[in-house]
Amino acid sequence: MSGTRITELFAWVVDDPSGEHGIIGVQLTHGIMQAVSSKKRIVEAMRPVAEATSKQLGLPVLLLRFALAETVDVA
């Protein structure tokens, strides 16, 4: 495989007390994407959206780092 190896992912996640946590979405010019990246600086740039989402929902939005990877399938 070529390219940069992804060793961690960062995501803005709603901390729902029901346990139904979810990754928030970010509106872009060409649609919506989930607030996830392997680059922390990119996810940090989404902080205003995370703060606005938290305020709108009345729930905390957490920045989580995922560092455990497992290959599940190869296409």
PDB file of N, CA and C in Angstrom:
ATOM      1  N   MET A   1       0.834  -1.184   0.000  1.00  0.00           N
ATOM      2  CA  MET A   1       0.000   0.000   0.000  1.00  0.00           C
ATOM      3  C   MET A   1       0.872   1.237   0.000  1.00  0.00           C
ATOM      4  N   SER A   2       0.393   2.248  -0.683  1.00  0.00           N
ATOM      5  CA  SER A   2       1.134   3.499  -0.702  1.00  0.00           C
ATOM      6  C   SER A   2       0.390   4.556   0.104  1.00  0.00           C
ATOM      7  N   GLY A   3       1.037   5.690   0.306  1.00  0.00           N
ATOM      8  CA  GLY A   3       0.382   6.774   1.031  1.00  0.00           C
ATOM      9  C   GLY A   3       0.745   6.790   2.500  1.00  0.00           C
ATOM     10  N   THR A   4       0.158   7.732   3.201  1.00  0.00           N
ATOM     11  CA  THR A   4       0.426   7.898   4.611  1.00  0.00           C
ATOM     12  C   THR A   4      -0.411   6.927   5.436  1.00  0.00           C
ATOM     13  N   ARG A   5       0.224   6.278   6.357  1.00  0.00           N
ATOM     14  CA  ARG A   5      -0.475   5.339   7.232  1.00  0.00           C
ATOM     15  C   ARG A   5      -1.283   6.109   8.277  1.00  0.00           C
ATOM     16  N   ILE A   6      -2.546   5.749   8.419  1.00  0.00           N
ATOM     17  CA  ILE A   6      -3.399   6.378   9.424  1.00  0.00           C
ATOM     18  C   ILE A   6      -3.213   5.619  10.735  1.00  0.00           C
ATOM     19  N   THR A   7      -2.748   6.342  11.757  1.00  0.00           N
ATOM     20  CA  THR A   7      -2.499   5.708  13.054  1.00  0.00           C
ATOM     21  C   THR A   7      -3.505   6.124  14.114  1.00  0.00           C
ATOM     22  N   GLU A   8      -4.281   7.183  13.824  1.00  0.00           N
ATOM     23  CA  GLU A   8      -5.296   7.640  14.762  1.00  0.00           C
ATOM     24  C   GLU A   8      -6.342   8.447  14.012  1.00  0.00           C
ATOM     25  N   LEU A   9      -7.532   8.513  14.582  1.00  0.00           N
ATOM     26  CA  LEU A   9      -8.617   9.332  14.053  1.00  0.00           C
ATOM     27  C   LEU A   9      -9.140  10.219  15.165  1.00  0.00           C
ATOM     28  N   PHE A  10      -9.554  11.416  14.790  1.00  0.00           N
ATOM     29  CA  PHE A  10     -10.155  12.359  15.722  1.00  0.00           C
ATOM     30  C   PHE A  10     -11.584  12.612  15.262  1.00  0.00           C
ATOM     31  N   ALA A  11     -12.521  12.706  16.203  1.00  0.00           N
ATOM     32  CA  ALA A  11     -13.919  12.923  15.849  1.00  0.00           C
ATOM     33  C   ALA A  11     -14.625  13.732  16.921  1.00  0.00           C
ATOM     34  N   TRP A  12     -15.512  14.633  16.474  1.00  0.00           N
ATOM     35  CA  TRP A  12     -16.399  15.346  17.385  1.00  0.00           C
ATOM     36  C   TRP A  12     -17.639  14.490  17.565  1.00  0.00           C
ATOM     37  N   VAL A  13     -17.920  14.100  18.810  1.00  0.00           N
ATOM     38  CA  VAL A  13     -18.985  13.146  19.121  1.00  0.00           C
ATOM     39  C   VAL A  13     -19.930  13.740  20.164  1.00  0.00           C
ATOM     40  N   VAL A  14     -21.245  13.629  19.901  1.00  0.00           N
ATOM     41  CA  VAL A  14     -22.253  14.068  20.871  1.00  0.00           C
ATOM     42  C   VAL A  14     -22.271  13.077  22.025  1.00  0.00           C
ATOM     43  N   ASP A  15     -22.162  13.588  23.240  1.00  0.00           N
ATOM     44  CA  ASP A  15     -22.209  12.752  24.445  1.00  0.00           C
ATOM     45  C   ASP A  15     -23.654  12.666  24.920  1.00  0.00           C
ATOM     46  N   ASP A  16     -24.428  11.797  24.294  1.00  0.00           N
ATOM     47  CA  ASP A  16     -25.850  11.631  24.590  1.00  0.00           C
ATOM     48  C   ASP A  16     -26.005  10.748  25.825  1.00  0.00           C
ATOM     49  N   PRO A  17     -26.730  11.210  26.850  1.00  0.00           N
ATOM     50  CA  PRO A  17     -26.881  10.416  28.074  1.00  0.00           C
ATOM     51  C   PRO A  17     -27.563   9.067  27.852  1.00  0.00           C
ATOM     52  N   SER A  18     -28.269   8.900  26.736  1.00  0.00           N
ATOM     53  CA  SER A  18     -28.916   7.613  26.447  1.00  0.00           C
ATOM     54  C   SER A  18     -27.900   6.569  25.998  1.00  0.00           C
ATOM     55  N   GLY A  19     -26.672   6.998  25.751  1.00  0.00           N
ATOM     56  CA  GLY A  19     -25.647   6.075  25.270  1.00  0.00           C
ATOM     57  C   GLY A  19     -25.582   6.012  23.757  1.00  0.00           C
ATOM     58  N   GLU A  20     -26.481   6.718  23.081  1.00  0.00           N
ATOM     59  CA  GLU A  20     -26.496   6.755  21.616  1.00  0.00           C
ATOM     60  C   GLU A  20     -25.581   7.870  21.121  1.00  0.00           C
ATOM     61  N   HIS A  21     -24.291   7.695  21.316  1.00  0.00           N
ATOM     62  CA  HIS A  21     -23.330   8.698  20.878  1.00  0.00           C
ATOM     63  C   HIS A  21     -23.312   8.738  19.351  1.00  0.00           C
ATOM     64  N   GLY A  22     -23.038   9.900  18.809  1.00  0.00           N
ATOM     65  CA  GLY A  22     -22.979  10.030  17.361  1.00  0.00           C
ATOM     66  C   GLY A  22     -21.990  11.090  16.946  1.00  0.00           C
ATOM     67  N   ILE A  23     -21.380  10.881  15.788  1.00  0.00           N
ATOM     68  CA  ILE A  23     -20.447  11.844  15.220  1.00  0.00           C
ATOM     69  C   ILE A  23     -21.259  12.975  14.595  1.00  0.00           C
ATOM     70  N   ILE A  24     -20.893  14.208  14.898  1.00  0.00           N
ATOM     71  CA  ILE A  24     -21.633  15.331  14.341  1.00  0.00           C
ATOM     72  C   ILE A  24     -21.258  15.531  12.873  1.00  0.00           C
ATOM     73  N   GLY A  25     -22.108  16.262  12.155  1.00  0.00           N
ATOM     74  CA  GLY A  25     -21.857  16.569  10.754  1.00  0.00           C
ATOM     75  C   GLY A  25     -21.483  18.026  10.573  1.00  0.00           C
ATOM     76  N   VAL A  26     -20.764  18.293   9.497  1.00  0.00           N
ATOM     77  CA  VAL A  26     -20.323  19.643   9.162  1.00  0.00           C
ATOM     78  C   VAL A  26     -20.823  19.963   7.754  1.00  0.00           C
ATOM     79  N   GLN A  27     -21.522  21.094   7.603  1.00  0.00           N
ATOM     80  CA  GLN A  27     -22.022  21.515   6.288  1.00  0.00           C
ATOM     81  C   GLN A  27     -20.873  22.116   5.489  1.00  0.00           C
ATOM     82  N   LEU A  28     -20.647  21.583   4.296  1.00  0.00           N
ATOM     83  CA  LEU A  28     -19.631  22.101   3.386  1.00  0.00           C
ATOM     84  C   LEU A  28     -20.317  22.654   2.144  1.00  0.00           C
ATOM     85  N   THR A  29     -19.556  23.272   1.267  1.00  0.00           N
ATOM     86  CA  THR A  29     -20.103  23.812   0.029  1.00  0.00           C
ATOM     87  C   THR A  29     -20.781  22.726  -0.800  1.00  0.00           C
ATOM     88  N   HIS A  30     -20.192  21.531  -0.818  1.00  0.00           N
ATOM     89  CA  HIS A  30     -20.686  20.454  -1.671  1.00  0.00           C
ATOM     90  C   HIS A  30     -21.435  19.370  -0.908  1.00  0.00           C
ATOM     91  N   GLY A  31     -21.902  19.665   0.281  1.00  0.00           N
ATOM     92  CA  GLY A  31     -22.657  18.675   1.031  1.00  0.00           C
ATOM     93  C   GLY A  31     -22.252  18.639   2.494  1.00  0.00           C
ATOM     94  N   ILE A  32     -22.566  17.530   3.127  1.00  0.00           N
ATOM     95  CA  ILE A  32     -22.292  17.361   4.553  1.00  0.00           C
ATOM     96  C   ILE A  32     -21.275  16.241   4.726  1.00  0.00           C
ATOM     97  N   MET A  33     -20.360  16.434   5.659  1.00  0.00           N
ATOM     98  CA  MET A  33     -19.404  15.379   6.003  1.00  0.00           C
ATOM     99  C   MET A  33     -19.395  15.211   7.510  1.00  0.00           C
ATOM    100  N   GLN A  34     -19.007  14.042   7.957  1.00  0.00           N
ATOM    101  CA  GLN A  34     -18.869  13.827   9.393  1.00  0.00           C
ATOM    102  C   GLN A  34     -17.602  14.525   9.873  1.00  0.00           C
ATOM    103  N   ALA A  35     -17.637  14.983  11.115  1.00  0.00           N
ATOM    104  CA  ALA A  35     -16.518  15.726  11.704  1.00  0.00           C
ATOM    105  C   ALA A  35     -15.456  14.753  12.196  1.00  0.00           C
ATOM    106  N   VAL A  36     -14.766  14.135  11.230  1.00  0.00           N
ATOM    107  CA  VAL A  36     -13.743  13.123  11.504  1.00  0.00           C
ATOM    108  C   VAL A  36     -12.548  13.377  10.595  1.00  0.00           C
ATOM    109  N   SER A  37     -11.350  13.223  11.133  1.00  0.00           N
ATOM    110  CA  SER A  37     -10.140  13.326  10.321  1.00  0.00           C
ATOM    111  C   SER A  37      -8.994  12.611  11.028  1.00  0.00           C
ATOM    112  N   SER A  38      -8.004  12.227  10.242  1.00  0.00           N
ATOM    113  CA  SER A  38      -6.788  11.662  10.826  1.00  0.00           C
ATOM    114  C   SER A  38      -5.815  12.776  11.214  1.00  0.00           C
ATOM    115  N   LYS A  39      -6.162  14.003  10.882  1.00  0.00           N
ATOM    116  CA  LYS A  39      -5.313  15.157  11.211  1.00  0.00           C
ATOM    117  C   LYS A  39      -6.013  16.017  12.259  1.00  0.00           C
ATOM    118  N   LYS A  40      -5.394  16.142  13.422  1.00  0.00           N
ATOM    119  CA  LYS A  40      -6.002  16.879  14.525  1.00  0.00           C
ATOM    120  C   LYS A  40      -6.265  18.329  14.163  1.00  0.00           C
ATOM    121  N   ARG A  41      -5.383  18.955  13.399  1.00  0.00           N
ATOM    122  CA  ARG A  41      -5.561  20.362  13.038  1.00  0.00           C
ATOM    123  C   ARG A  41      -6.826  20.581  12.219  1.00  0.00           C
ATOM    124  N   ILE A  42      -7.196  19.612  11.411  1.00  0.00           N
ATOM    125  CA  ILE A  42      -8.424  19.734  10.618  1.00  0.00           C
ATOM    126  C   ILE A  42      -9.644  19.641  11.513  1.00  0.00           C
ATOM    127  N   VAL A  43      -9.628  18.694  12.445  1.00  0.00           N
ATOM    128  CA  VAL A  43     -10.759  18.543  13.361  1.00  0.00           C
ATOM    129  C   VAL A  43     -10.847  19.746  14.300  1.00  0.00           C
ATOM    130  N   GLU A  44      -9.720  20.282  14.721  1.00  0.00           N
ATOM    131  CA  GLU A  44      -9.731  21.475  15.577  1.00  0.00           C
ATOM    132  C   GLU A  44     -10.383  22.649  14.855  1.00  0.00           C
ATOM    133  N   ALA A  45     -10.241  22.722  13.533  1.00  0.00           N
ATOM    134  CA  ALA A  45     -10.864  23.794  12.760  1.00  0.00           C
ATOM    135  C   ALA A  45     -12.388  23.677  12.770  1.00  0.00           C
ATOM    136  N   MET A  46     -12.912  22.502  13.123  1.00  0.00           N
ATOM    137  CA  MET A  46     -14.351  22.274  13.190  1.00  0.00           C
ATOM    138  C   MET A  46     -14.922  22.626  14.574  1.00  0.00           C
ATOM    139  N   ARG A  47     -14.095  23.117  15.469  1.00  0.00           N
ATOM    140  CA  ARG A  47     -14.523  23.429  16.833  1.00  0.00           C
ATOM    141  C   ARG A  47     -15.748  24.356  16.884  1.00  0.00           C
ATOM    142  N   PRO A  48     -15.801  25.420  16.072  1.00  0.00           N
ATOM    143  CA  PRO A  48     -16.999  26.272  16.135  1.00  0.00           C
ATOM    144  C   PRO A  48     -18.295  25.512  15.820  1.00  0.00           C
ATOM    145  N   VAL A  49     -18.237  24.571  14.905  1.00  0.00           N
ATOM    146  CA  VAL A  49     -19.411  23.759  14.583  1.00  0.00           C
ATOM    147  C   VAL A  49     -19.753  22.862  15.768  1.00  0.00           C
ATOM    148  N   ALA A  50     -18.740  22.288  16.406  1.00  0.00           N
ATOM    149  CA  ALA A  50     -18.970  21.428  17.577  1.00  0.00           C
ATOM    150  C   ALA A  50     -19.604  22.237  18.710  1.00  0.00           C
ATOM    151  N   GLU A  51     -19.111  23.448  18.940  1.00  0.00           N
ATOM    152  CA  GLU A  51     -19.662  24.292  19.998  1.00  0.00           C
ATOM    153  C   GLU A  51     -21.106  24.697  19.688  1.00  0.00           C
ATOM    154  N   ALA A  52     -21.384  25.031  18.430  1.00  0.00           N
ATOM    155  CA  ALA A  52     -22.747  25.405  18.037  1.00  0.00           C
ATOM    156  C   ALA A  52     -23.691  24.208  18.172  1.00  0.00           C
ATOM    157  N   THR A  53     -23.217  23.022  17.808  1.00  0.00           N
ATOM    158  CA  THR A  53     -24.025  21.806  17.935  1.00  0.00           C
ATOM    159  C   THR A  53     -24.329  21.526  19.394  1.00  0.00           C
ATOM    160  N   SER A  54     -23.340  21.667  20.244  1.00  0.00           N
ATOM    161  CA  SER A  54     -23.517  21.455  21.675  1.00  0.00           C
ATOM    162  C   SER A  54     -24.580  22.411  22.232  1.00  0.00           C
ATOM    163  N   LYS A  55     -24.484  23.672  21.836  1.00  0.00           N
ATOM    164  CA  LYS A  55     -25.440  24.673  22.311  1.00  0.00           C
ATOM    165  C   LYS A  55     -26.854  24.361  21.803  1.00  0.00           C
ATOM    166  N   GLN A  56     -26.961  23.978  20.542  1.00  0.00           N
ATOM    167  CA  GLN A  56     -28.264  23.690  19.943  1.00  0.00           C
ATOM    168  C   GLN A  56     -28.925  22.471  20.585  1.00  0.00           C
ATOM    169  N   LEU A  57     -28.143  21.416  20.835  1.00  0.00           N
ATOM    170  CA  LEU A  57     -28.690  20.182  21.394  1.00  0.00           C
ATOM    171  C   LEU A  57     -28.790  20.211  22.918  1.00  0.00           C
ATOM    172  N   GLY A  58     -28.029  21.085  23.553  1.00  0.00           N
ATOM    173  CA  GLY A  58     -27.984  21.103  25.010  1.00  0.00           C
ATOM    174  C   GLY A  58     -27.247  19.906  25.571  1.00  0.00           C
ATOM    175  N   LEU A  59     -26.327  19.375  24.772  1.00  0.00           N
ATOM    176  CA  LEU A  59     -25.527  18.204  25.177  1.00  0.00           C
ATOM    177  C   LEU A  59     -24.055  18.486  24.917  1.00  0.00           C
ATOM    178  N   PRO A  60     -23.162  17.880  25.705  1.00  0.00           N
ATOM    179  CA  PRO A  60     -21.741  18.052  25.438  1.00  0.00           C
ATOM    180  C   PRO A  60     -21.345  17.405  24.112  1.00  0.00           C
ATOM    181  N   VAL A  61     -20.416  18.038  23.419  1.00  0.00           N
ATOM    182  CA  VAL A  61     -19.811  17.454  22.218  1.00  0.00           C
ATOM    183  C   VAL A  61     -18.331  17.281  22.531  1.00  0.00           C
ATOM    184  N   LEU A  62     -17.869  16.051  22.460  1.00  0.00           N
ATOM    185  CA  LEU A  62     -16.505  15.700  22.859  1.00  0.00           C
ATOM    186  C   LEU A  62     -15.602  15.520  21.648  1.00  0.00           C
ATOM    187  N   LEU A  63     -14.354  15.923  21.770  1.00  0.00           N
ATOM    188  CA  LEU A  63     -13.357  15.596  20.759  1.00  0.00           C
ATOM    189  C   LEU A  63     -12.681  14.310  21.226  1.00  0.00           C
ATOM    190  N   LEU A  64     -12.897  13.236  20.483  1.00  0.00           N
ATOM    191  CA  LEU A  64     -12.324  11.936  20.837  1.00  0.00           C
ATOM    192  C   LEU A  64     -11.202  11.561  19.882  1.00  0.00           C
ATOM    193  N   ARG A  65     -10.226  10.848  20.408  1.00  0.00           N
ATOM    194  CA  ARG A  65      -9.133  10.310  19.589  1.00  0.00           C
ATOM    195  C   ARG A  65      -9.227   8.800  19.641  1.00  0.00           C
ATOM    196  N   PHE A  66      -9.258   8.191  18.468  1.00  0.00           N
ATOM    197  CA  PHE A  66      -9.300   6.731  18.353  1.00  0.00           C
ATOM    198  C   PHE A  66      -7.941   6.272  17.836  1.00  0.00           C
ATOM    199  N   ALA A  67      -7.307   5.353  18.572  1.00  0.00           N
ATOM    200  CA  ALA A  67      -5.948   4.955  18.215  1.00  0.00           C
ATOM    201  C   ALA A  67      -5.788   3.463  17.961  1.00  0.00           C
ATOM    202  N   LEU A  68      -6.840   2.687  18.098  1.00  0.00           N
ATOM    203  CA  LEU A  68      -6.758   1.254  17.870  1.00  0.00           C
ATOM    204  C   LEU A  68      -7.364   0.959  16.510  1.00  0.00           C
ATOM    205  N   ALA A  69      -6.613   0.333  15.634  1.00  0.00           N
ATOM    206  CA  ALA A  69      -7.108   0.033  14.293  1.00  0.00           C
ATOM    207  C   ALA A  69      -7.041  -1.465  14.034  1.00  0.00           C
ATOM    208  N   GLU A  70      -8.035  -1.934  13.307  1.00  0.00           N
ATOM    209  CA  GLU A  70      -8.095  -3.330  12.924  1.00  0.00           C
ATOM    210  C   GLU A  70      -8.597  -3.391  11.489  1.00  0.00           C
ATOM    211  N   THR A  71      -7.901  -4.109  10.618  1.00  0.00           N
ATOM    212  CA  THR A  71      -8.367  -4.292   9.262  1.00  0.00           C
ATOM    213  C   THR A  71      -9.527  -5.282   9.304  1.00  0.00           C
ATOM    214  N   VAL A  72     -10.691  -4.837   8.842  1.00  0.00           N
ATOM    215  CA  VAL A  72     -11.905  -5.653   8.871  1.00  0.00           C
ATOM    216  C   VAL A  72     -12.142  -6.305   7.514  1.00  0.00           C
ATOM    217  N   ASP A  73     -11.786  -5.597   6.434  1.00  0.00           N
ATOM    218  CA  ASP A  73     -12.029  -6.105   5.097  1.00  0.00           C
ATOM    219  C   ASP A  73     -11.112  -5.372   4.126  1.00  0.00           C
ATOM    220  N   VAL A  74     -10.911  -5.929   2.978  1.00  0.00           N
ATOM    221  CA  VAL A  74     -10.137  -5.296   1.925  1.00  0.00           C
ATOM    222  C   VAL A  74     -10.961  -5.326   0.648  1.00  0.00           C
ATOM    223  N   ALA A  75     -11.120  -4.182   0.018  1.00  0.00           N
ATOM    224  CA  ALA A  75     -11.921  -4.110  -1.221  1.00  0.00           C
ATOM    225  C   ALA A  75     -11.005  -4.077  -2.425  1.00  0.00           C
TER     226      ALA A  75
END
